[in-house]
Structure formats: structure tokens, C-alpha cells
Protein backbone atom coordinates (compact mmCIF):
# COMPACT_ATOMS: atom_id res chain seq x y z
CA MET A 1 -14.15 -27.28 23.84
CA PHE A 2 -10.44 -27.11 23.11
CA ARG A 3 -10.57 -30.23 20.93
CA VAL A 4 -13.61 -28.94 19.01
CA ALA A 5 -11.92 -25.59 18.40
CA ARG A 6 -8.74 -27.27 17.15
CA VAL A 7 -10.54 -29.67 14.82
CA THR A 8 -12.74 -26.86 13.48
CA THR A 9 -9.74 -24.58 12.88
CA ILE A 10 -7.81 -27.29 11.07
CA GLY A 11 -10.87 -28.22 9.00
CA LEU A 12 -11.63 -24.63 7.94
CA SER A 13 -7.99 -23.92 7.11
CA LEU A 14 -7.65 -27.15 5.12
CA LEU A 15 -10.85 -26.35 3.22
CA GLY A 16 -9.46 -22.93 2.33
CA VAL A 17 -6.17 -24.40 1.11
CA ILE A 18 -8.04 -26.89 -1.08
CA VAL A 19 -10.44 -24.30 -2.55
CA PHE A 20 -7.87 -21.58 -3.26
CA GLY A 21 -5.27 -24.09 -4.46
CA ALA A 22 -7.74 -25.69 -6.85
CA LEU A 23 -8.98 -22.34 -8.19
CA LEU A 24 -5.43 -21.10 -8.70
CA ALA A 25 -4.56 -24.28 -10.60
CA VAL A 26 -7.64 -23.89 -12.81
CA VAL A 27 -6.93 -20.23 -13.60
CA GLN A 28 -3.29 -20.96 -14.41
CA SER A 29 -3.87 -24.11 -16.45
CA ASN A 30 -7.01 -23.10 -18.36
CA PRO A 31 -6.72 -19.48 -19.58
CA GLN A 32 -9.48 -20.00 -22.17
CA GLY A 33 -11.89 -21.18 -19.49
CA PHE A 34 -11.00 -18.15 -17.38
CA GLU A 35 -11.64 -15.84 -20.31
CA ALA A 36 -15.00 -17.49 -21.01
CA ARG A 37 -16.10 -16.86 -17.42
CA ALA A 38 -14.81 -13.30 -17.38
CA GLN A 39 -15.78 -12.17 -20.88
CA THR A 40 -19.07 -10.47 -19.95
CA PHE A 41 -17.31 -8.43 -17.27
CA ILE A 42 -14.39 -7.62 -19.59
CA ILE A 43 -16.72 -6.38 -22.34
CA HIS A 44 -18.49 -4.17 -19.80
CA GLU A 45 -15.15 -2.68 -18.72
CA VAL A 46 -14.10 -2.17 -22.35
CA GLU A 47 -17.38 -0.33 -23.02
CA LYS A 48 -16.60 2.10 -20.20
CA GLN A 49 -13.01 2.62 -21.35
CA VAL A 50 -13.94 3.12 -25.01
CA GLY A 51 -16.73 5.47 -23.93
CA VAL A 52 -14.21 7.63 -22.10
CA THR A 53 -11.95 7.61 -25.16
CA LEU A 54 -14.77 8.65 -27.49
CA ASP A 55 -15.95 11.36 -25.09
CA SER A 56 -12.49 12.93 -25.32
CA LEU A 57 -12.69 13.26 -29.10
CA PRO A 58 -13.69 16.58 -30.70
CA LEU A 59 -17.31 16.03 -31.68
CA GLN A 60 -18.38 19.62 -32.33
CA SER A 61 -19.80 18.68 -35.72
CA LEU A 62 -21.94 16.03 -34.14
CA THR A 63 -23.06 18.41 -31.39
CA SER A 64 -24.11 21.16 -33.79
CA GLN A 65 -25.79 18.78 -36.17
CA PHE A 66 -27.94 17.21 -33.46
CA SER A 67 -28.11 20.09 -30.98
CA GLU A 68 -31.80 19.59 -30.19
CA GLN A 69 -31.62 15.81 -29.97
CA MET A 70 -28.14 15.41 -28.51
CA GLN A 71 -29.08 13.25 -25.56
CA ALA A 72 -31.18 10.87 -27.64
CA ARG A 73 -28.42 10.64 -30.23
CA LYS A 74 -25.84 10.02 -27.50
CA ARG A 75 -27.87 7.08 -26.21
CA GLU A 76 -28.10 5.64 -29.72
CA ILE A 77 -24.34 5.95 -30.15
CA ASP A 78 -23.70 4.31 -26.76
CA ALA A 79 -25.92 1.39 -27.73
CA ALA A 80 -24.19 1.09 -31.09
CA VAL A 81 -20.76 1.18 -29.42
CA SER A 82 -21.85 -1.64 -27.12
CA GLN A 83 -23.02 -3.74 -30.09
CA PHE A 84 -19.85 -2.89 -32.00
CA ILE A 85 -17.62 -3.99 -29.10
CA THR A 86 -19.48 -7.28 -28.73
CA ALA A 87 -19.11 -7.94 -32.46
CA VAL A 88 -15.40 -7.04 -32.44
CA VAL A 89 -14.69 -9.35 -29.50
CA GLY A 90 -16.57 -12.16 -31.21
CA ALA A 91 -14.69 -11.58 -34.45
CA MET A 92 -11.39 -11.80 -32.58
CA CYS A 93 -12.05 -15.56 -32.32
CA ARG A 94 -11.03 -15.59 -28.68
CA LEU A 95 -13.42 -18.41 -27.84
CA ASP A 96 -15.38 -19.40 -30.95
CA CYS A 97 -14.84 -18.79 -34.67
CA ALA A 98 -18.11 -20.30 -35.86
CA GLN A 99 -19.76 -16.95 -36.61
CA ARG A 100 -16.74 -14.86 -37.51
CA GLU A 101 -17.96 -13.92 -41.01
CA GLN A 102 -21.37 -12.85 -39.73
CA LEU A 103 -19.78 -10.80 -36.94
CA GLU A 104 -17.36 -9.14 -39.37
CA GLY A 105 -20.32 -8.05 -41.48
CA ALA A 106 -22.31 -6.97 -38.43
CA LEU A 107 -19.61 -4.73 -37.01
CA LYS A 108 -19.14 -3.03 -40.39
CA GLN A 109 -22.89 -2.39 -40.65
CA ILE A 110 -23.04 -1.02 -37.11
CA TYR A 111 -20.16 1.31 -37.84
CA GLN A 112 -21.59 2.57 -41.12
CA ARG A 113 -25.11 3.10 -39.72
CA GLN A 114 -24.32 4.62 -36.33
CA LEU A 115 -20.64 5.34 -35.74
CA ALA A 116 -19.30 6.85 -38.96
CA ALA A 117 -20.34 10.31 -37.71
CA LEU A 118 -17.73 10.03 -34.95
CA ASN A 119 -15.04 10.59 -37.60
CA VAL A 120 -13.01 7.69 -36.22
CA GLY A 121 -11.98 5.17 -38.84
CA LEU A 122 -13.35 1.65 -38.63
CA ASP A 123 -9.90 0.10 -38.34
CA LYS A 124 -8.83 2.59 -35.67
CA LEU A 125 -11.96 2.05 -33.59
CA ARG A 126 -11.61 -1.70 -33.93
CA SER A 127 -7.96 -1.48 -32.90
CA ILE A 128 -8.92 0.51 -29.80
CA VAL A 129 -11.47 -2.11 -28.78
CA GLU A 130 -9.11 -5.04 -29.35
CA GLY A 131 -6.30 -3.33 -27.43
CA ARG A 132 -8.54 -2.46 -24.48
CA TYR A 133 -9.90 -6.02 -24.41
CA ARG A 134 -6.44 -7.61 -24.27
CA GLU A 135 -5.22 -5.15 -21.62
CA THR A 136 -8.28 -5.71 -19.42
CA LEU A 137 -8.06 -9.49 -19.74
CA THR A 138 -4.36 -9.48 -18.82
CA GLN A 139 -4.85 -7.16 -15.86
CA LEU A 140 -7.91 -9.04 -14.56
CA ARG A 141 -6.17 -12.42 -14.78
CA ARG A 142 -3.14 -11.01 -12.97
CA ASP A 143 -5.34 -9.57 -10.21
CA VAL A 144 -7.23 -12.86 -9.80
CA VAL A 145 -3.97 -14.82 -9.57
CA ILE A 146 -2.72 -12.41 -6.88
CA PHE A 147 -6.05 -12.68 -5.01
CA LEU A 148 -5.99 -16.49 -5.03
CA SER A 149 -2.26 -16.77 -4.28
CA VAL A 150 -2.35 -14.45 -1.27
CA ASN A 151 -5.39 -16.24 0.13
CA LEU A 152 -3.68 -19.59 -0.41
CA VAL A 153 -0.55 -18.43 1.45
CA VAL A 154 -2.56 -17.09 4.41
CA MET A 155 -4.72 -20.22 4.54
CA GLY A 156 -1.62 -22.40 4.38
CA ALA A 157 -0.05 -20.43 7.22
CA ALA A 158 -3.23 -20.80 9.30
CA LEU A 159 -3.21 -24.55 8.70
CA MET A 160 0.45 -24.93 9.70
CA VAL A 161 -0.06 -22.88 12.87
CA ALA A 162 -3.18 -24.90 13.73
CA LEU A 163 -1.24 -28.15 13.35
CA GLY A 164 1.88 -26.93 15.16
CA ARG A 165 0.35 -24.78 17.91
CA GLY A 166 -2.55 -26.83 19.17
CA ALA A 167 -2.70 -24.84 22.41
CA ALA A 168 -3.70 -21.75 20.41
CA ALA A 169 -6.83 -23.33 18.89
CA ARG A 170 -9.20 -20.78 20.48
CA HIS A 171 -7.05 -17.91 19.21
CA LEU A 172 -6.98 -19.33 15.70
CA LEU A 173 -10.70 -20.05 15.45
CA PRO A 174 -11.87 -16.41 14.88
CA ILE A 175 -9.13 -15.93 12.28
CA ALA A 176 -10.08 -19.16 10.49
CA ALA A 177 -13.74 -18.08 10.55
CA VAL A 178 -12.90 -14.75 8.88
CA LEU A 179 -10.79 -16.51 6.25
CA THR A 180 -13.61 -18.96 5.61
CA VAL A 181 -15.77 -16.07 4.40
CA SER A 182 -13.19 -15.53 1.63
CA THR A 183 -13.31 -19.25 0.85
CA VAL A 184 -17.09 -19.23 0.48
CA ILE A 185 -17.00 -16.09 -1.68
CA ALA A 186 -14.32 -17.57 -3.95
CA ALA A 187 -16.26 -20.83 -4.31
CA CYS A 188 -19.47 -18.93 -5.18
CA TRP A 189 -17.53 -16.86 -7.72
CA TYR A 190 -16.32 -19.98 -9.50
CA VAL A 191 -19.64 -21.83 -9.37
CA PHE A 192 -21.99 -18.94 -10.15
CA GLY A 193 -19.68 -16.48 -11.97
CA GLN A 194 -20.65 -13.42 -9.93
CA ASN A 195 -19.73 -10.16 -11.66
CA TRP A 196 -19.62 -8.25 -8.38
CA LEU A 197 -16.56 -10.24 -7.30
CA TRP A 198 -14.82 -9.43 -10.59
CA THR A 199 -15.50 -5.78 -9.76
CA ILE A 200 -14.04 -6.12 -6.26
CA ILE A 201 -10.89 -7.83 -7.50
CA TYR A 202 -10.46 -5.43 -10.44
CA ALA A 203 -11.01 -2.25 -8.38
CA ASP A 204 -7.60 -1.16 -7.08
CA TYR A 205 -8.77 0.54 -3.89
CA VAL A 206 -10.97 -2.40 -2.84
CA GLY A 207 -8.29 -4.92 -3.74
CA TRP A 208 -5.64 -3.14 -1.70
CA THR A 209 -8.01 -2.87 1.26
CA TYR A 210 -8.64 -6.60 1.12
CA LEU A 211 -4.91 -7.34 0.91
CA GLY A 212 -4.44 -5.09 3.94
CA VAL A 213 -6.94 -7.16 5.92
CA LEU A 214 -5.12 -10.36 4.94
CA ALA A 215 -1.81 -8.78 5.97
CA VAL A 216 -3.24 -8.02 9.44
CA LEU A 217 -4.49 -11.61 9.77
CA PHE A 218 -1.06 -12.88 8.72
CA ILE A 219 0.54 -10.72 11.44
CA PHE A 220 -1.80 -12.30 14.00
CA LEU A 221 -0.82 -15.75 12.75
CA ALA A 222 2.85 -14.84 13.16
CA ASP A 223 2.08 -13.58 16.67
CA ILE A 224 0.41 -16.89 17.54
CA ALA A 225 3.26 -18.93 16.11
CA LEU A 226 6.19 -16.90 17.46
CA ASN A 227 4.93 -14.73 20.34
CA ARG A 228 2.56 -17.05 22.22
CA ALA A 229 -0.43 -15.07 20.85
CA ARG A 230 0.15 -12.10 23.17
CA ALA A 231 -0.99 -9.43 20.70
CA THR A 232 -3.77 -11.67 19.38
CA SER A 233 -5.09 -12.27 22.91
CA GLU A 234 -5.16 -8.55 23.60
CA ALA A 235 -6.97 -7.81 20.31
CA LEU A 236 -9.55 -10.57 20.86
CA ASN A 237 -10.22 -9.40 24.42
CA ILE A 238 -10.82 -5.84 23.18
CA VAL A 239 -13.27 -7.11 20.55
CA ALA A 240 -15.05 -9.23 23.18
CA GLN A 241 -15.41 -6.23 25.48
CA VAL A 242 -16.80 -4.07 22.68
CA LEU A 243 -19.34 -6.78 21.85
CA GLY A 244 -20.23 -7.25 25.51
CA SER A 245 -19.08 -10.87 25.50
CA GLY A 246 -17.72 -12.64 28.56
CA ALA A 247 -15.18 -14.60 26.52
CA SER A 248 -11.51 -14.01 27.23
CA TRP A 249 -8.17 -15.09 25.77
CA SER A 250 -4.74 -15.31 27.39
CA PRO A 251 -1.27 -15.92 25.98
CA CYS A 252 -0.48 -19.54 25.32
């Protein structure tokens, strides 16, 4: 049982180091590929941010002019803003310049048909979109790098403890199992491009909560490496009692 636990812990930790190390290298070395994967999410975030900006503008003239059909008109404007943002991002030539002329014409038509009533100049509105896009891309990439780097450090620490403190294999196994969930999620994000993970990483409160969990796991790893797993044993025994399990851990 001890040998199985040790081999499993080392294997899971090594897998995590490989996955997070590889993803971090890809994100750092291929910014265009990262942007291509994240662009749908970024555009969605820009739509929300630009919507908030436009809602703060004085639109009394628009309200009085369309007082009876305000909600329908608002939906039309929201749809036009979404199309306008997509056209602006495409015209920025971030990933592909093949259709730049068509997109330039399209965004002007969208503005003239649907958005001119907002009394925001075309150039100003375009500048807002481009600025929000760059800010969101920069912030998202920074958050992803932090997410991958912290996971890599914790996984690396788990691997070193597993190799150096073989007697603590049973203590390390639950920690490695929890960390493996992060590994699987990260791998699915890269393979399938899940927008919900972008949302988790980009949301400050969720991101800080996740970093807090990793910090607790890192403290347990330090306890195993330097304190013979005394605190870890106590915590695992409490969890086992709550779950009604007969398993027990003791300092090693």
C-alpha cells in the first residue's frame, strides 16, 4: 500500500508539473495563439464593458424619441454594438488581415445605421473598443500566467516532497489528488477552449479564492517536509472522522 501510494503521488505530481509547465511555455512563447483561443471571451468582456460605458452616457434624446419602444430599441442597439465590436476587433488585424477592407466598411455601416443616434463619434467609439480589447487581453494573459505559474510551483513542491519524504506518501496522496483536479481542468481548457475557465481565472474573487486554496495546500506540503506532517495528519484525521472513514494518519 505504501509503495502504491508513493508511486501514485509521484506520478500525479510529475503529470501536473509537465502539464502546467508545458501550458506556461505555450502561453509565454505564442501570444498570438493565446489571443486566438481567448478572443471570443475577450470580445464578450469588451461588449459588457462598452455597454456599461454607453449606459453612462446622457441619452435623454434617444429616450424621448423612442419612449414607447425603448426596450426594443435598446435591444437593437445592443445587437449593433456587438456587431460593431466584432468588426472593430477584426479590423485591428490582430490575427488576420484578409478581410480588413470589408470589416472597415461594415463597421462604418453599422455605426451609421444603428449607433449614430448615441451621439458618440465613430472614431471615439472605435477607440473605446480598441482600448478595452487591449486592456482585457493584457489582464487576461497576466492572470493566466499567474494561474499556471502558481500551479506549477505547488506541483513542483509536491513532487520534491514526494521524492524526498517517501515515508509521507499517504499524507501526500490526498493533496496530489486535489492538485490533479487542477491539472485535468487546465488540460481540458487548452484542448477544448472552455470559456467558463476563462471566466474563473478572470474573475478576481474566484481567482483569489483559488490561490488561497493553493496556499493552504502549500502550507501542508511545508508541514510534511519540515514538521513530519503533524498538522497534515491532524487535518486528515478530522476529515476522515467527518466522512465516517476508519482511515487514520500519524506523524512521520
